[in-house]
Amino acid sequence: MNKQETLSAALTGRNEEIENYQINIDNYERAIAKINAEYANNEKMIEFRDRLKGLLAEHYTEQLKAIIMRDVVADQLAEMEAP
């Protein structure tokens, strides 16, 4: 596999990684909203919600890292394809 093929594969992987983070982010946000709306008086669910908030923050950060790395790979590919 040459460098361009390797970068193309890496770009695909980064896009999938970003999408996976987004799915988790969406799920965490929905679960937090559901707990706030339907389980606000349940101490165990409030603890769970608070853990989800921590995971949500982590996933936002990790997704941004993946976006940065995806952009770096995309830039390299664009440079290789430029005349």
N, C-alpha and C. Protein backbone atom coordinates (compact mmCIF):
# COMPACT_ATOMS: atom_id res chain seq x y z
N MET A 1 0.86 -1.18 0.00
CA MET A 1 0.00 0.00 0.00
C MET A 1 0.90 1.24 0.00
N ASN A 2 0.61 2.18 -0.87
CA ASN A 2 1.42 3.40 -0.92
C ASN A 2 0.86 4.44 0.06
N LYS A 3 1.53 5.57 0.15
CA LYS A 3 1.15 6.59 1.12
C LYS A 3 -0.27 7.11 0.87
N GLN A 4 -0.62 7.34 -0.39
CA GLN A 4 -1.95 7.86 -0.70
C GLN A 4 -3.04 6.86 -0.30
N GLU A 5 -2.82 5.60 -0.56
CA GLU A 5 -3.78 4.57 -0.17
C GLU A 5 -3.90 4.48 1.35
N THR A 6 -2.77 4.58 2.02
CA THR A 6 -2.77 4.54 3.48
C THR A 6 -3.52 5.74 4.06
N LEU A 7 -3.27 6.92 3.49
CA LEU A 7 -3.98 8.11 3.96
C LEU A 7 -5.47 8.02 3.66
N SER A 8 -5.83 7.48 2.51
CA SER A 8 -7.25 7.32 2.18
C SER A 8 -7.94 6.39 3.17
N ALA A 9 -7.28 5.31 3.51
CA ALA A 9 -7.83 4.38 4.50
C ALA A 9 -7.94 5.05 5.87
N ALA A 10 -6.93 5.84 6.22
CA ALA A 10 -6.96 6.56 7.49
C ALA A 10 -8.10 7.56 7.52
N LEU A 11 -8.35 8.22 6.41
CA LEU A 11 -9.44 9.20 6.32
C LEU A 11 -10.78 8.51 6.54
N THR A 12 -10.97 7.37 5.93
CA THR A 12 -12.21 6.60 6.12
C THR A 12 -12.36 6.21 7.59
N GLY A 13 -11.29 5.75 8.18
CA GLY A 13 -11.33 5.36 9.60
C GLY A 13 -11.66 6.53 10.51
N ARG A 14 -11.08 7.69 10.23
CA ARG A 14 -11.36 8.88 11.05
C ARG A 14 -12.81 9.31 10.91
N ASN A 15 -13.34 9.26 9.69
CA ASN A 15 -14.74 9.63 9.50
C ASN A 15 -15.67 8.69 10.26
N GLU A 16 -15.35 7.41 10.28
CA GLU A 16 -16.15 6.44 11.04
C GLU A 16 -16.02 6.71 12.54
N GLU A 17 -14.83 7.02 12.99
CA GLU A 17 -14.60 7.34 14.40
C GLU A 17 -15.42 8.55 14.82
N ILE A 18 -15.41 9.59 14.00
CA ILE A 18 -16.18 10.80 14.29
C ILE A 18 -17.66 10.48 14.37
N GLU A 19 -18.15 9.68 13.43
CA GLU A 19 -19.56 9.30 13.43
C GLU A 19 -19.92 8.49 14.68
N ASN A 20 -19.04 7.59 15.09
CA ASN A 20 -19.30 6.80 16.30
C ASN A 20 -19.37 7.69 17.53
N TYR A 21 -18.46 8.67 17.62
CA TYR A 21 -18.55 9.61 18.73
C TYR A 21 -19.87 10.37 18.68
N GLN A 22 -20.29 10.76 17.48
CA GLN A 22 -21.53 11.52 17.36
C GLN A 22 -22.75 10.70 17.80
N ILE A 23 -22.75 9.43 17.46
CA ILE A 23 -23.85 8.56 17.90
C ILE A 23 -23.89 8.51 19.42
N ASN A 24 -22.74 8.33 20.05
CA ASN A 24 -22.70 8.31 21.52
C ASN A 24 -23.11 9.64 22.11
N ILE A 25 -22.65 10.74 21.52
CA ILE A 25 -23.01 12.08 22.00
C ILE A 25 -24.53 12.25 21.94
N ASP A 26 -25.12 11.89 20.81
CA ASP A 26 -26.58 12.01 20.67
C ASP A 26 -27.31 11.16 21.70
N ASN A 27 -26.83 9.93 21.90
CA ASN A 27 -27.46 9.05 22.89
C ASN A 27 -27.34 9.60 24.30
N TYR A 28 -26.16 10.09 24.66
CA TYR A 28 -25.97 10.64 26.00
C TYR A 28 -26.88 11.85 26.22
N GLU A 29 -26.95 12.74 25.22
CA GLU A 29 -27.80 13.92 25.36
C GLU A 29 -29.26 13.53 25.53
N ARG A 30 -29.71 12.56 24.77
CA ARG A 30 -31.10 12.11 24.90
C ARG A 30 -31.36 11.46 26.26
N ALA A 31 -30.41 10.65 26.70
CA ALA A 31 -30.58 9.98 28.00
C ALA A 31 -30.60 11.00 29.13
N ILE A 32 -29.73 12.00 29.06
CA ILE A 32 -29.70 13.05 30.08
C ILE A 32 -31.04 13.79 30.10
N ALA A 33 -31.55 14.13 28.93
CA ALA A 33 -32.84 14.83 28.86
C ALA A 33 -33.97 13.96 29.39
N LYS A 34 -33.94 12.68 29.08
CA LYS A 34 -34.98 11.76 29.56
C LYS A 34 -34.94 11.64 31.08
N ILE A 35 -33.76 11.51 31.61
CA ILE A 35 -33.63 11.42 33.07
C ILE A 35 -34.13 12.71 33.72
N ASN A 36 -33.75 13.85 33.17
CA ASN A 36 -34.21 15.13 33.72
C ASN A 36 -35.73 15.25 33.68
N ALA A 37 -36.33 14.75 32.61
CA ALA A 37 -37.78 14.89 32.43
C ALA A 37 -38.58 13.85 33.21
N GLU A 38 -38.06 12.63 33.31
CA GLU A 38 -38.87 11.53 33.84
C GLU A 38 -38.37 10.93 35.15
N TYR A 39 -37.13 11.20 35.52
CA TYR A 39 -36.55 10.55 36.69
C TYR A 39 -35.84 11.53 37.62
N ALA A 40 -36.29 12.76 37.62
CA ALA A 40 -35.61 13.81 38.39
C ALA A 40 -35.60 13.54 39.89
N ASN A 41 -36.50 12.70 40.36
CA ASN A 41 -36.56 12.41 41.79
C ASN A 41 -35.91 11.08 42.16
N ASN A 42 -35.29 10.43 41.21
CA ASN A 42 -34.66 9.14 41.44
C ASN A 42 -33.15 9.36 41.62
N GLU A 43 -32.70 9.19 42.84
CA GLU A 43 -31.29 9.46 43.17
C GLU A 43 -30.33 8.64 42.33
N LYS A 44 -30.62 7.37 42.12
CA LYS A 44 -29.73 6.52 41.33
C LYS A 44 -29.67 6.98 39.88
N MET A 45 -30.78 7.43 39.34
CA MET A 45 -30.79 7.92 37.96
C MET A 45 -30.08 9.27 37.85
N ILE A 46 -30.14 10.07 38.90
CA ILE A 46 -29.41 11.34 38.91
C ILE A 46 -27.90 11.06 38.92
N GLU A 47 -27.48 10.05 39.68
CA GLU A 47 -26.07 9.66 39.68
C GLU A 47 -25.66 9.17 38.29
N PHE A 48 -26.52 8.38 37.67
CA PHE A 48 -26.26 7.89 36.32
C PHE A 48 -26.18 9.05 35.34
N ARG A 49 -27.11 9.99 35.45
CA ARG A 49 -27.11 11.18 34.59
C ARG A 49 -25.79 11.94 34.73
N ASP A 50 -25.33 12.08 35.96
CA ASP A 50 -24.08 12.81 36.18
C ASP A 50 -22.88 12.10 35.55
N ARG A 51 -22.89 10.77 35.58
CA ARG A 51 -21.83 10.01 34.90
C ARG A 51 -21.93 10.20 33.39
N LEU A 52 -23.16 10.22 32.89
CA LEU A 52 -23.36 10.46 31.46
C LEU A 52 -22.85 11.84 31.05
N LYS A 53 -23.06 12.82 31.91
CA LYS A 53 -22.56 14.17 31.61
C LYS A 53 -21.03 14.16 31.47
N GLY A 54 -20.37 13.40 32.34
CA GLY A 54 -18.92 13.27 32.24
C GLY A 54 -18.50 12.58 30.95
N LEU A 55 -19.20 11.50 30.61
CA LEU A 55 -18.91 10.81 29.35
C LEU A 55 -19.18 11.71 28.15
N LEU A 56 -20.23 12.49 28.23
CA LEU A 56 -20.57 13.41 27.14
C LEU A 56 -19.42 14.40 26.91
N ALA A 57 -18.93 14.98 27.98
CA ALA A 57 -17.82 15.93 27.87
C ALA A 57 -16.58 15.25 27.27
N GLU A 58 -16.29 14.02 27.71
CA GLU A 58 -15.14 13.29 27.19
C GLU A 58 -15.30 13.00 25.70
N HIS A 59 -16.51 12.63 25.30
CA HIS A 59 -16.74 12.30 23.89
C HIS A 59 -16.65 13.54 23.00
N TYR A 60 -17.11 14.68 23.50
CA TYR A 60 -16.94 15.91 22.74
C TYR A 60 -15.45 16.19 22.49
N THR A 61 -14.65 16.02 23.53
CA THR A 61 -13.21 16.25 23.41
C THR A 61 -12.56 15.25 22.47
N GLU A 62 -12.89 13.98 22.62
CA GLU A 62 -12.29 12.96 21.77
C GLU A 62 -12.74 13.11 20.32
N GLN A 63 -13.99 13.51 20.12
CA GLN A 63 -14.47 13.74 18.76
C GLN A 63 -13.70 14.89 18.11
N LEU A 64 -13.47 15.94 18.86
CA LEU A 64 -12.72 17.07 18.32
C LEU A 64 -11.29 16.66 17.95
N LYS A 65 -10.67 15.84 18.77
CA LYS A 65 -9.34 15.33 18.45
C LYS A 65 -9.38 14.55 17.13
N ALA A 66 -10.39 13.71 16.98
CA ALA A 66 -10.53 12.92 15.76
C ALA A 66 -10.77 13.82 14.55
N ILE A 67 -11.54 14.89 14.73
CA ILE A 67 -11.79 15.84 13.64
C ILE A 67 -10.49 16.51 13.22
N ILE A 68 -9.69 16.91 14.19
CA ILE A 68 -8.41 17.54 13.88
C ILE A 68 -7.53 16.59 13.10
N MET A 69 -7.44 15.34 13.55
CA MET A 69 -6.60 14.37 12.86
C MET A 69 -7.15 14.05 11.47
N ARG A 70 -8.48 13.97 11.34
CA ARG A 70 -9.09 13.75 10.03
C ARG A 70 -8.73 14.88 9.07
N ASP A 71 -8.80 16.11 9.57
CA ASP A 71 -8.48 17.26 8.74
C ASP A 71 -7.02 17.26 8.30
N VAL A 72 -6.13 16.82 9.18
CA VAL A 72 -4.71 16.73 8.84
C VAL A 72 -4.50 15.70 7.72
N VAL A 73 -5.17 14.57 7.84
CA VAL A 73 -5.06 13.54 6.81
C VAL A 73 -5.65 14.05 5.50
N ALA A 74 -6.81 14.70 5.56
CA ALA A 74 -7.45 15.24 4.36
C ALA A 74 -6.56 16.29 3.69
N ASP A 75 -5.91 17.11 4.49
CA ASP A 75 -4.99 18.11 3.93
C ASP A 75 -3.83 17.44 3.18
N GLN A 76 -3.29 16.38 3.76
CA GLN A 76 -2.20 15.67 3.11
C GLN A 76 -2.66 15.06 1.78
N LEU A 77 -3.85 14.49 1.78
CA LEU A 77 -4.38 13.92 0.55
C LEU A 77 -4.57 14.99 -0.51
N ALA A 78 -5.11 16.14 -0.10
CA ALA A 78 -5.34 17.24 -1.04
C ALA A 78 -4.02 17.73 -1.63
N GLU A 79 -2.99 17.80 -0.80
CA GLU A 79 -1.67 18.21 -1.29
C GLU A 79 -1.12 17.21 -2.30
N MET A 80 -1.36 15.94 -2.08
CA MET A 80 -0.87 14.91 -3.00
C MET A 80 -1.61 14.96 -4.33
N GLU A 81 -2.87 15.34 -4.30
CA GLU A 81 -3.70 15.36 -5.50
C GLU A 81 -3.58 16.66 -6.28
N ALA A 82 -3.02 17.69 -5.64
CA ALA A 82 -2.88 18.98 -6.32
C ALA A 82 -1.84 18.88 -7.44
N PRO A 83 -2.10 19.58 -8.56
CA PRO A 83 -1.14 19.51 -9.67
C PRO A 83 0.17 20.23 -9.37
